[in-house]
């Protein structure tokens, strides 16, 4: 059984014009008359010398703070914070180990891991704290050596000996 239903909808001309993009004759489009503009208050223009141009900041130019560089180099700031810290010799063994680990990490991040391993070997240690660790009585000497190395001193100057093989 086939059922055919035919629905006819009668759309108005305006609706058809709206659906087809308004391409129906000009007489079908509603005329919109402009509203009369409200009377504007007369604003006296400021003289040219009083006009200020806006900048990106909302603060006037006089109030802006200028950035100045510190007269101290960056290295001095780093040493100032180290001055506040107690001397390495005054630390307990756990704190010394943490300071040594920090220096070792800094050197290995600077691609100096092989030199650090060689320095550890001079103290008969394979690592700082794991297998065959650095002995607590060697903490002071190793810390001195690794900080000197970090400041740019050559390994041959830190460990002067004829039997040292740096190759």
N, C-alpha and C. Protein backbone atom coordinates (compact mmCIF):
# COMPACT_ATOMS: atom_id res chain seq x y z
N UNK A 1 0.83 -1.15 0.00
CA UNK A 1 0.00 0.00 0.00
C UNK A 1 0.89 1.23 0.00
N UNK A 2 0.79 2.05 -0.98
CA UNK A 2 1.54 3.29 -1.11
C UNK A 2 0.67 4.45 -0.69
N UNK A 3 1.23 5.29 0.13
CA UNK A 3 0.51 6.48 0.57
C UNK A 3 1.31 7.69 0.11
N UNK A 4 0.69 8.51 -0.64
CA UNK A 4 1.32 9.74 -1.09
C UNK A 4 0.60 10.91 -0.44
N UNK A 5 1.34 11.74 0.22
CA UNK A 5 0.76 12.91 0.86
C UNK A 5 1.40 14.13 0.21
N UNK A 6 0.61 15.03 -0.20
CA UNK A 6 1.11 16.23 -0.83
C UNK A 6 0.76 17.39 0.09
N UNK A 7 1.81 18.13 0.50
CA UNK A 7 1.62 19.28 1.39
C UNK A 7 2.01 20.52 0.64
N UNK A 8 1.14 21.47 0.65
CA UNK A 8 1.43 22.73 -0.02
C UNK A 8 1.46 23.81 1.05
N UNK A 9 2.54 24.56 1.03
CA UNK A 9 2.69 25.65 1.99
C UNK A 9 2.78 26.93 1.19
N UNK A 10 1.98 27.84 1.54
CA UNK A 10 2.00 29.12 0.85
C UNK A 10 2.82 30.09 1.69
N UNK A 11 4.03 30.38 1.19
CA UNK A 11 4.90 31.31 1.89
C UNK A 11 4.68 32.70 1.33
N UNK A 12 4.82 33.64 2.16
CA UNK A 12 4.68 35.02 1.71
C UNK A 12 5.89 35.44 0.90
N UNK A 13 5.73 36.53 0.17
CA UNK A 13 6.81 37.01 -0.67
C UNK A 13 8.04 37.40 0.14
N UNK A 14 7.83 37.93 1.31
CA UNK A 14 8.96 38.34 2.15
C UNK A 14 9.75 37.12 2.61
N UNK A 15 9.06 36.07 2.95
CA UNK A 15 9.74 34.86 3.40
C UNK A 15 10.52 34.24 2.27
N UNK A 16 9.92 34.21 1.09
CA UNK A 16 10.60 33.67 -0.08
C UNK A 16 11.83 34.51 -0.38
N UNK A 17 11.71 35.82 -0.28
CA UNK A 17 12.84 36.71 -0.53
C UNK A 17 13.95 36.46 0.49
N UNK A 18 13.56 36.24 1.71
CA UNK A 18 14.53 35.98 2.77
C UNK A 18 15.25 34.67 2.51
N UNK A 19 14.52 33.63 2.11
CA UNK A 19 15.12 32.33 1.86
C UNK A 19 15.97 32.30 0.60
N UNK A 20 15.61 33.04 -0.40
CA UNK A 20 16.36 33.03 -1.65
C UNK A 20 17.45 34.09 -1.69
N UNK A 21 17.62 34.82 -0.65
CA UNK A 21 18.71 35.78 -0.59
C UNK A 21 18.30 37.18 -0.92
N UNK A 22 17.04 37.45 -0.91
CA UNK A 22 16.57 38.81 -1.12
C UNK A 22 16.68 39.29 -2.54
N UNK A 23 16.58 38.40 -3.52
CA UNK A 23 16.71 38.79 -4.91
C UNK A 23 15.38 39.08 -5.57
N UNK A 24 14.42 39.33 -4.78
CA UNK A 24 13.11 39.66 -5.32
C UNK A 24 13.10 41.18 -5.51
N UNK A 25 12.25 41.69 -6.28
CA UNK A 25 12.20 43.11 -6.63
C UNK A 25 12.32 44.04 -5.44
N UNK A 26 12.72 45.29 -5.73
CA UNK A 26 12.93 46.29 -4.70
C UNK A 26 11.65 46.64 -3.95
N UNK A 27 10.54 46.49 -4.58
CA UNK A 27 9.31 46.89 -3.92
C UNK A 27 8.92 45.94 -2.80
N UNK A 28 9.53 44.77 -2.75
CA UNK A 28 9.18 43.81 -1.71
C UNK A 28 10.00 44.01 -0.44
N UNK A 29 11.12 44.65 -0.54
CA UNK A 29 11.94 44.85 0.65
C UNK A 29 11.37 45.99 1.46
N UNK A 30 11.32 45.81 2.74
CA UNK A 30 10.74 46.87 3.56
C UNK A 30 11.66 48.09 3.59
N UNK A 31 11.05 49.21 3.58
CA UNK A 31 11.82 50.44 3.64
C UNK A 31 12.01 50.82 5.10
N UNK A 32 13.23 51.07 5.43
CA UNK A 32 13.54 51.48 6.79
C UNK A 32 13.98 52.93 6.72
N UNK A 33 13.21 53.74 7.35
CA UNK A 33 13.57 55.16 7.34
C UNK A 33 14.51 55.41 8.51
N UNK A 34 15.55 56.15 8.24
CA UNK A 34 16.47 56.43 9.34
C UNK A 34 15.81 57.30 10.39
N UNK A 35 16.15 56.99 11.63
CA UNK A 35 15.61 57.78 12.73
C UNK A 35 16.34 59.11 12.76
N UNK A 36 15.64 60.12 13.11
CA UNK A 36 16.33 61.41 13.19
C UNK A 36 17.36 61.35 14.33
N UNK A 37 18.53 61.85 14.04
CA UNK A 37 19.61 61.80 15.02
C UNK A 37 19.32 62.76 16.14
N UNK A 38 19.68 62.33 17.32
CA UNK A 38 19.49 63.20 18.48
C UNK A 38 20.46 64.36 18.35
N UNK A 39 20.07 65.51 18.77
CA UNK A 39 20.98 66.65 18.65
C UNK A 39 22.23 66.41 19.51
N UNK A 40 23.37 66.62 18.87
CA UNK A 40 24.64 66.39 19.57
C UNK A 40 25.00 67.61 20.36
N UNK A 41 25.57 67.34 21.51
CA UNK A 41 26.06 68.45 22.30
C UNK A 41 27.35 68.92 21.67
N UNK A 42 27.50 70.17 21.61
CA UNK A 42 28.72 70.70 21.02
C UNK A 42 29.85 70.57 22.03
N UNK A 43 30.91 69.98 21.58
CA UNK A 43 32.06 69.78 22.43
C UNK A 43 33.16 70.68 21.90
N UNK A 44 33.67 71.50 22.77
CA UNK A 44 34.75 72.39 22.34
C UNK A 44 36.00 71.55 22.18
N UNK A 45 36.66 71.72 21.07
CA UNK A 45 37.87 70.96 20.81
C UNK A 45 39.01 71.54 21.62
N UNK A 46 39.86 70.64 22.14
CA UNK A 46 41.01 71.08 22.90
C UNK A 46 42.06 71.62 21.95
N UNK A 47 42.79 72.60 22.38
CA UNK A 47 43.87 73.10 21.53
C UNK A 47 44.87 71.98 21.25
N UNK A 48 45.59 72.11 20.17
CA UNK A 48 46.50 71.05 19.73
C UNK A 48 47.57 70.74 20.76
N UNK A 49 48.02 71.71 21.50
CA UNK A 49 49.08 71.45 22.47
C UNK A 49 48.58 70.68 23.68
N UNK A 50 47.29 70.72 23.97
CA UNK A 50 46.75 69.98 25.10
C UNK A 50 46.41 68.55 24.76
N UNK A 51 46.27 68.23 23.49
CA UNK A 51 45.93 66.87 23.10
C UNK A 51 47.10 65.95 23.40
N UNK A 52 46.79 64.80 23.96
CA UNK A 52 47.81 63.80 24.25
C UNK A 52 47.51 62.56 23.43
N UNK A 53 48.54 61.96 22.94
CA UNK A 53 48.34 60.72 22.21
C UNK A 53 48.37 59.58 23.21
N UNK A 54 47.55 58.59 22.97
CA UNK A 54 47.49 57.44 23.87
C UNK A 54 48.62 56.49 23.53
N UNK A 55 49.22 55.98 24.55
CA UNK A 55 50.25 54.96 24.37
C UNK A 55 49.66 53.63 24.78
N UNK A 56 50.44 52.60 24.66
CA UNK A 56 49.96 51.26 25.02
C UNK A 56 49.66 51.17 26.50
N UNK A 57 50.37 51.91 27.29
CA UNK A 57 50.15 51.88 28.72
C UNK A 57 49.12 52.94 29.08
N UNK A 58 48.37 52.67 30.10
CA UNK A 58 47.38 53.64 30.52
C UNK A 58 47.99 54.69 31.45
N UNK A 59 49.23 54.48 31.88
CA UNK A 59 49.88 55.44 32.76
C UNK A 59 50.47 56.57 31.94
N UNK A 60 50.43 57.78 32.45
CA UNK A 60 51.11 58.87 31.75
C UNK A 60 52.61 58.63 31.71
N UNK A 61 53.26 59.30 30.80
CA UNK A 61 54.69 59.07 30.59
C UNK A 61 55.51 59.40 31.82
N UNK A 62 55.08 60.35 32.61
CA UNK A 62 55.85 60.73 33.79
C UNK A 62 55.85 59.64 34.85
N UNK A 63 54.77 58.85 34.91
CA UNK A 63 54.64 57.85 35.94
C UNK A 63 55.30 56.52 35.60
N UNK A 64 55.68 56.34 34.35
CA UNK A 64 56.28 55.06 33.96
C UNK A 64 57.62 54.89 34.64
N UNK A 65 57.86 53.69 35.12
CA UNK A 65 59.13 53.38 35.75
C UNK A 65 60.06 52.82 34.69
N UNK A 66 61.28 53.25 34.73
CA UNK A 66 62.26 52.72 33.79
C UNK A 66 63.05 51.65 34.49
N UNK A 67 63.41 50.63 33.73
CA UNK A 67 64.17 49.52 34.29
C UNK A 67 65.65 49.86 34.17
N UNK A 68 66.35 49.64 35.24
CA UNK A 68 67.78 49.88 35.20
C UNK A 68 68.50 48.59 35.51
N UNK A 69 69.66 48.47 34.98
CA UNK A 69 70.45 47.27 35.23
C UNK A 69 71.18 47.42 36.55
N UNK A 70 71.35 46.32 37.18
CA UNK A 70 72.10 46.31 38.42
C UNK A 70 73.57 46.49 38.07
N UNK A 71 74.27 47.19 38.92
CA UNK A 71 75.69 47.42 38.64
C UNK A 71 76.53 46.19 38.97
N UNK A 72 75.94 45.25 39.69
CA UNK A 72 76.69 44.05 40.06
C UNK A 72 76.54 42.99 38.98
N UNK A 73 77.61 42.31 38.62
CA UNK A 73 77.48 41.19 37.68
C UNK A 73 76.68 40.05 38.30
N UNK A 74 76.21 39.17 37.47
CA UNK A 74 75.39 38.04 37.92
C UNK A 74 76.17 37.15 38.86
N UNK A 75 77.45 36.97 38.61
CA UNK A 75 78.26 36.10 39.46
C UNK A 75 78.31 36.62 40.89
N UNK A 76 78.36 37.95 41.05
CA UNK A 76 78.39 38.51 42.40
C UNK A 76 77.11 38.19 43.15
N UNK A 77 75.97 38.22 42.46
CA UNK A 77 74.70 37.89 43.12
C UNK A 77 74.70 36.44 43.57
N UNK A 78 75.27 35.56 42.76
CA UNK A 78 75.32 34.14 43.12
C UNK A 78 76.23 33.93 44.32
N UNK A 79 77.34 34.65 44.38
CA UNK A 79 78.24 34.47 45.51
C UNK A 79 77.67 35.10 46.76
N UNK A 80 76.82 36.14 46.61
CA UNK A 80 76.19 36.72 47.79
C UNK A 80 75.30 35.70 48.49
N UNK A 81 74.56 34.92 47.72
CA UNK A 81 73.71 33.92 48.35
C UNK A 81 74.55 32.80 48.95
N UNK A 82 75.70 32.52 48.36
CA UNK A 82 76.56 31.49 48.93
C UNK A 82 77.23 31.99 50.21
N UNK A 83 77.43 33.31 50.33
CA UNK A 83 78.04 33.86 51.54
C UNK A 83 77.13 33.64 52.74
N UNK A 84 75.82 33.68 52.49
CA UNK A 84 74.87 33.47 53.57
C UNK A 84 74.86 32.02 54.04
N UNK A 85 75.21 31.10 53.16
CA UNK A 85 75.22 29.67 53.51
C UNK A 85 76.46 29.37 54.36
N UNK A 86 76.36 28.38 55.23
CA UNK A 86 77.53 28.03 56.04
C UNK A 86 78.63 27.42 55.18
N UNK A 87 79.84 27.49 55.65
CA UNK A 87 80.98 26.94 54.92
C UNK A 87 80.80 25.42 54.78
N UNK A 88 81.39 24.87 53.72
CA UNK A 88 81.24 23.45 53.46
C UNK A 88 81.79 22.63 54.62
N UNK A 89 82.90 23.05 55.19
CA UNK A 89 83.52 22.30 56.29
C UNK A 89 82.64 22.27 57.53
N UNK A 90 81.75 23.25 57.68
CA UNK A 90 80.89 23.31 58.86
C UNK A 90 79.64 22.45 58.73
N UNK A 91 79.38 21.89 57.57
CA UNK A 91 78.18 21.09 57.35
C UNK A 91 78.36 19.67 57.89
N UNK A 92 77.25 19.00 58.17
CA UNK A 92 77.32 17.59 58.56
C UNK A 92 77.48 16.74 57.30
N UNK A 93 77.71 15.45 57.47
CA UNK A 93 78.00 14.58 56.33
C UNK A 93 76.86 14.53 55.31
N UNK A 94 75.62 14.50 55.78
CA UNK A 94 74.48 14.45 54.85
C UNK A 94 74.39 15.72 54.01
N UNK A 95 74.60 16.87 54.63
CA UNK A 95 74.56 18.13 53.90
C UNK A 95 75.73 18.23 52.93
N UNK A 96 76.90 17.72 53.34
CA UNK A 96 78.06 17.72 52.45
C UNK A 96 77.77 16.85 51.21
N UNK A 97 77.17 15.69 51.46
CA UNK A 97 76.85 14.80 50.35
C UNK A 97 75.88 15.46 49.37
N UNK A 98 74.89 16.18 49.88
CA UNK A 98 73.93 16.88 49.02
C UNK A 98 74.63 17.98 48.22
N UNK A 99 75.55 18.69 48.83
CA UNK A 99 76.29 19.73 48.11
C UNK A 99 77.16 19.12 47.02
N UNK A 100 77.78 17.99 47.32
CA UNK A 100 78.60 17.30 46.33
C UNK A 100 77.74 16.81 45.17
N UNK A 101 76.57 16.25 45.49
CA UNK A 101 75.66 15.79 44.45
C UNK A 101 75.24 16.94 43.54
N UNK A 102 75.00 18.10 44.12
CA UNK A 102 74.60 19.26 43.33
C UNK A 102 75.71 19.67 42.37
N UNK A 103 76.94 19.67 42.84
CA UNK A 103 78.07 20.02 41.98
C UNK A 103 78.28 18.98 40.88
N UNK A 104 78.14 17.71 41.24
CA UNK A 104 78.30 16.64 40.25
C UNK A 104 77.21 16.76 39.19
N UNK A 105 75.99 17.02 39.60
CA UNK A 105 74.89 17.19 38.65
C UNK A 105 75.15 18.36 37.72
N UNK A 106 75.64 19.47 38.29
CA UNK A 106 75.92 20.64 37.47
C UNK A 106 76.98 20.33 36.42
N UNK A 107 78.02 19.60 36.80
CA UNK A 107 79.09 19.28 35.86
C UNK A 107 78.65 18.26 34.81
N UNK A 108 77.84 17.29 35.21
CA UNK A 108 77.39 16.30 34.23
C UNK A 108 76.41 16.92 33.23
N UNK A 109 75.64 17.92 33.66
CA UNK A 109 74.76 18.62 32.72
C UNK A 109 75.57 19.45 31.73
N UNK A 110 76.78 19.83 32.12
CA UNK A 110 77.66 20.58 31.23
C UNK A 110 78.54 19.66 30.40
N UNK A 111 78.13 18.41 30.25
CA UNK A 111 78.83 17.41 29.44
C UNK A 111 80.23 17.11 29.99
N UNK A 112 80.38 17.13 31.28
CA UNK A 112 81.67 16.84 31.91
C UNK A 112 81.60 15.57 32.76
N UNK A 113 80.68 14.67 32.42
CA UNK A 113 80.49 13.45 33.19
C UNK A 113 81.71 12.56 33.22
N UNK A 114 82.44 12.48 32.11
CA UNK A 114 83.63 11.63 32.07
C UNK A 114 84.70 12.17 33.01
N UNK A 115 84.86 13.48 33.06
CA UNK A 115 85.85 14.07 33.97
C UNK A 115 85.45 13.85 35.43
N UNK A 116 84.15 13.92 35.72
CA UNK A 116 83.67 13.68 37.08
C UNK A 116 83.95 12.23 37.48
N UNK A 117 83.70 11.31 36.57
CA UNK A 117 84.00 9.89 36.84
C UNK A 117 85.49 9.71 37.13
N UNK A 118 86.33 10.39 36.36
CA UNK A 118 87.78 10.29 36.56
C UNK A 118 88.16 10.86 37.93
N UNK A 119 87.53 11.96 38.31
CA UNK A 119 87.81 12.56 39.62
C UNK A 119 87.38 11.61 40.74
N UNK A 120 86.23 10.98 40.58
CA UNK A 120 85.77 10.00 41.58
C UNK A 120 86.75 8.84 41.68
N UNK A 121 87.31 8.43 40.55
CA UNK A 121 88.26 7.32 40.56
C UNK A 121 89.53 7.69 41.35
N UNK A 122 89.88 8.96 41.37
CA UNK A 122 91.04 9.40 42.13
C UNK A 122 90.81 9.22 43.64
N UNK A 123 89.55 9.13 44.04
CA UNK A 123 89.19 8.91 45.43
C UNK A 123 88.70 7.47 45.66
N UNK A 124 88.99 6.58 44.72
CA UNK A 124 88.60 5.16 44.79
C UNK A 124 87.10 4.99 44.97
N UNK A 125 86.33 5.77 44.22
CA UNK A 125 84.87 5.68 44.27
C UNK A 125 84.34 5.59 42.85
N UNK A 126 83.24 4.87 42.70
CA UNK A 126 82.61 4.74 41.39
C UNK A 126 81.49 5.75 41.21
N UNK A 127 80.90 6.17 42.32
CA UNK A 127 79.82 7.16 42.27
C UNK A 127 79.83 7.95 43.56
N UNK A 128 78.95 8.93 43.62
CA UNK A 128 78.91 9.77 44.82
C UNK A 128 78.26 9.04 45.98
N UNK A 129 77.16 8.33 45.73
CA UNK A 129 76.46 7.72 46.88
C UNK A 129 75.98 6.30 46.66
N UNK A 130 76.05 5.76 45.45
CA UNK A 130 75.51 4.42 45.21
C UNK A 130 76.59 3.37 45.38
N UNK A 131 76.77 2.52 44.39
CA UNK A 131 77.76 1.44 44.47
C UNK A 131 79.16 2.04 44.58
N UNK A 132 79.97 1.49 45.46
CA UNK A 132 81.31 2.00 45.75
C UNK A 132 81.29 3.51 45.94
N UNK A 133 80.60 3.97 46.99
CA UNK A 133 80.41 5.41 47.17
C UNK A 133 81.67 6.13 47.63
N UNK A 134 81.61 7.43 47.51
CA UNK A 134 82.66 8.31 48.02
C UNK A 134 82.61 8.25 49.54
N UNK A 135 83.74 8.07 50.18
CA UNK A 135 83.79 7.95 51.64
C UNK A 135 83.63 9.32 52.28
N UNK A 136 82.96 9.39 53.44
CA UNK A 136 82.74 10.67 54.12
C UNK A 136 84.03 11.43 54.44
N UNK A 137 85.12 10.73 54.70
CA UNK A 137 86.37 11.44 55.00
C UNK A 137 86.96 12.10 53.75
N UNK A 138 86.48 11.73 52.56
CA UNK A 138 86.95 12.34 51.32
C UNK A 138 86.03 13.46 50.82
N UNK A 139 84.93 13.74 51.52
CA UNK A 139 83.98 14.75 51.07
C UNK A 139 84.64 16.12 50.88
N UNK A 140 85.42 16.55 51.87
CA UNK A 140 86.03 17.88 51.79
C UNK A 140 86.97 17.99 50.60
N UNK A 141 87.84 17.02 50.41
CA UNK A 141 88.81 17.07 49.32
C UNK A 141 88.11 16.98 47.96
N UNK A 142 87.12 16.10 47.84
CA UNK A 142 86.42 15.96 46.57
C UNK A 142 85.63 17.23 46.24
N UNK A 143 84.98 17.81 47.24
CA UNK A 143 84.22 19.04 47.00
C UNK A 143 85.15 20.16 46.56
N UNK A 144 86.30 20.25 47.20
CA UNK A 144 87.29 21.26 46.81
C UNK A 144 87.72 21.03 45.35
N UNK A 145 87.96 19.79 45.00
CA UNK A 145 88.42 19.46 43.64
C UNK A 145 87.34 19.77 42.60
N UNK A 146 86.10 19.39 42.88
CA UNK A 146 85.05 19.59 41.87
C UNK A 146 84.67 21.06 41.74
N UNK A 147 84.75 21.83 42.82
CA UNK A 147 84.47 23.26 42.69
C UNK A 147 85.60 23.97 41.95
N UNK A 148 86.82 23.57 42.18
CA UNK A 148 87.94 24.14 41.41
C UNK A 148 87.78 23.82 39.93
N UNK A 149 87.38 22.59 39.63
CA UNK A 149 87.15 22.18 38.25
C UNK A 149 86.01 22.99 37.64
N UNK A 150 84.97 23.22 38.41
CA UNK A 150 83.83 24.00 37.93
C UNK A 150 84.19 25.44 37.62
N UNK A 151 85.20 25.96 38.30
CA UNK A 151 85.64 27.33 38.05
C UNK A 151 86.58 27.42 36.85
N UNK A 152 86.90 26.26 36.24
CA UNK A 152 87.70 26.27 35.03
C UNK A 152 89.13 25.79 35.19
N UNK A 153 89.47 25.32 36.36
CA UNK A 153 90.83 24.84 36.57
C UNK A 153 91.00 23.47 35.90
N UNK A 154 92.17 23.22 35.35
CA UNK A 154 92.43 21.97 34.65
C UNK A 154 92.60 20.82 35.64
N UNK A 155 92.23 19.63 35.20
CA UNK A 155 92.36 18.45 36.06
C UNK A 155 93.83 18.20 36.42
N UNK A 156 94.75 18.50 35.52
CA UNK A 156 96.18 18.29 35.80
C UNK A 156 96.67 19.24 36.88
N UNK A 157 96.03 20.40 37.01
CA UNK A 157 96.40 21.32 38.08
C UNK A 157 95.78 20.90 39.41
N UNK A 158 94.59 20.32 39.36
CA UNK A 158 93.91 19.89 40.59
C UNK A 158 94.56 18.63 41.14
N UNK A 159 94.92 17.70 40.26
CA UNK A 159 95.54 16.44 40.66
C UNK A 159 96.93 16.35 40.03
N UNK A 160 97.89 17.13 40.54
CA UNK A 160 99.23 17.07 39.93
C UNK A 160 99.96 15.79 40.31
N UNK A 161 100.17 14.96 39.31
CA UNK A 161 100.88 13.70 39.53
C UNK A 161 101.32 13.17 38.19
N UNK A 162 102.46 12.53 38.18
CA UNK A 162 102.98 11.99 36.91
C UNK A 162 102.23 10.74 36.49
N UNK A 163 101.63 10.02 37.45
CA UNK A 163 100.97 8.77 37.11
C UNK A 163 99.48 8.95 36.78
N UNK A 164 98.98 10.20 36.78
CA UNK A 164 97.57 10.43 36.40
C UNK A 164 97.43 10.27 34.90
N UNK A 165 96.49 9.43 34.51
CA UNK A 165 96.25 9.21 33.09
C UNK A 165 94.91 9.85 32.74
N UNK A 166 94.96 10.99 32.06
CA UNK A 166 93.75 11.70 31.71
C UNK A 166 93.18 11.25 30.36
N UNK A 167 93.84 10.34 29.70
CA UNK A 167 93.39 9.95 28.36
C UNK A 167 92.44 8.87 28.44
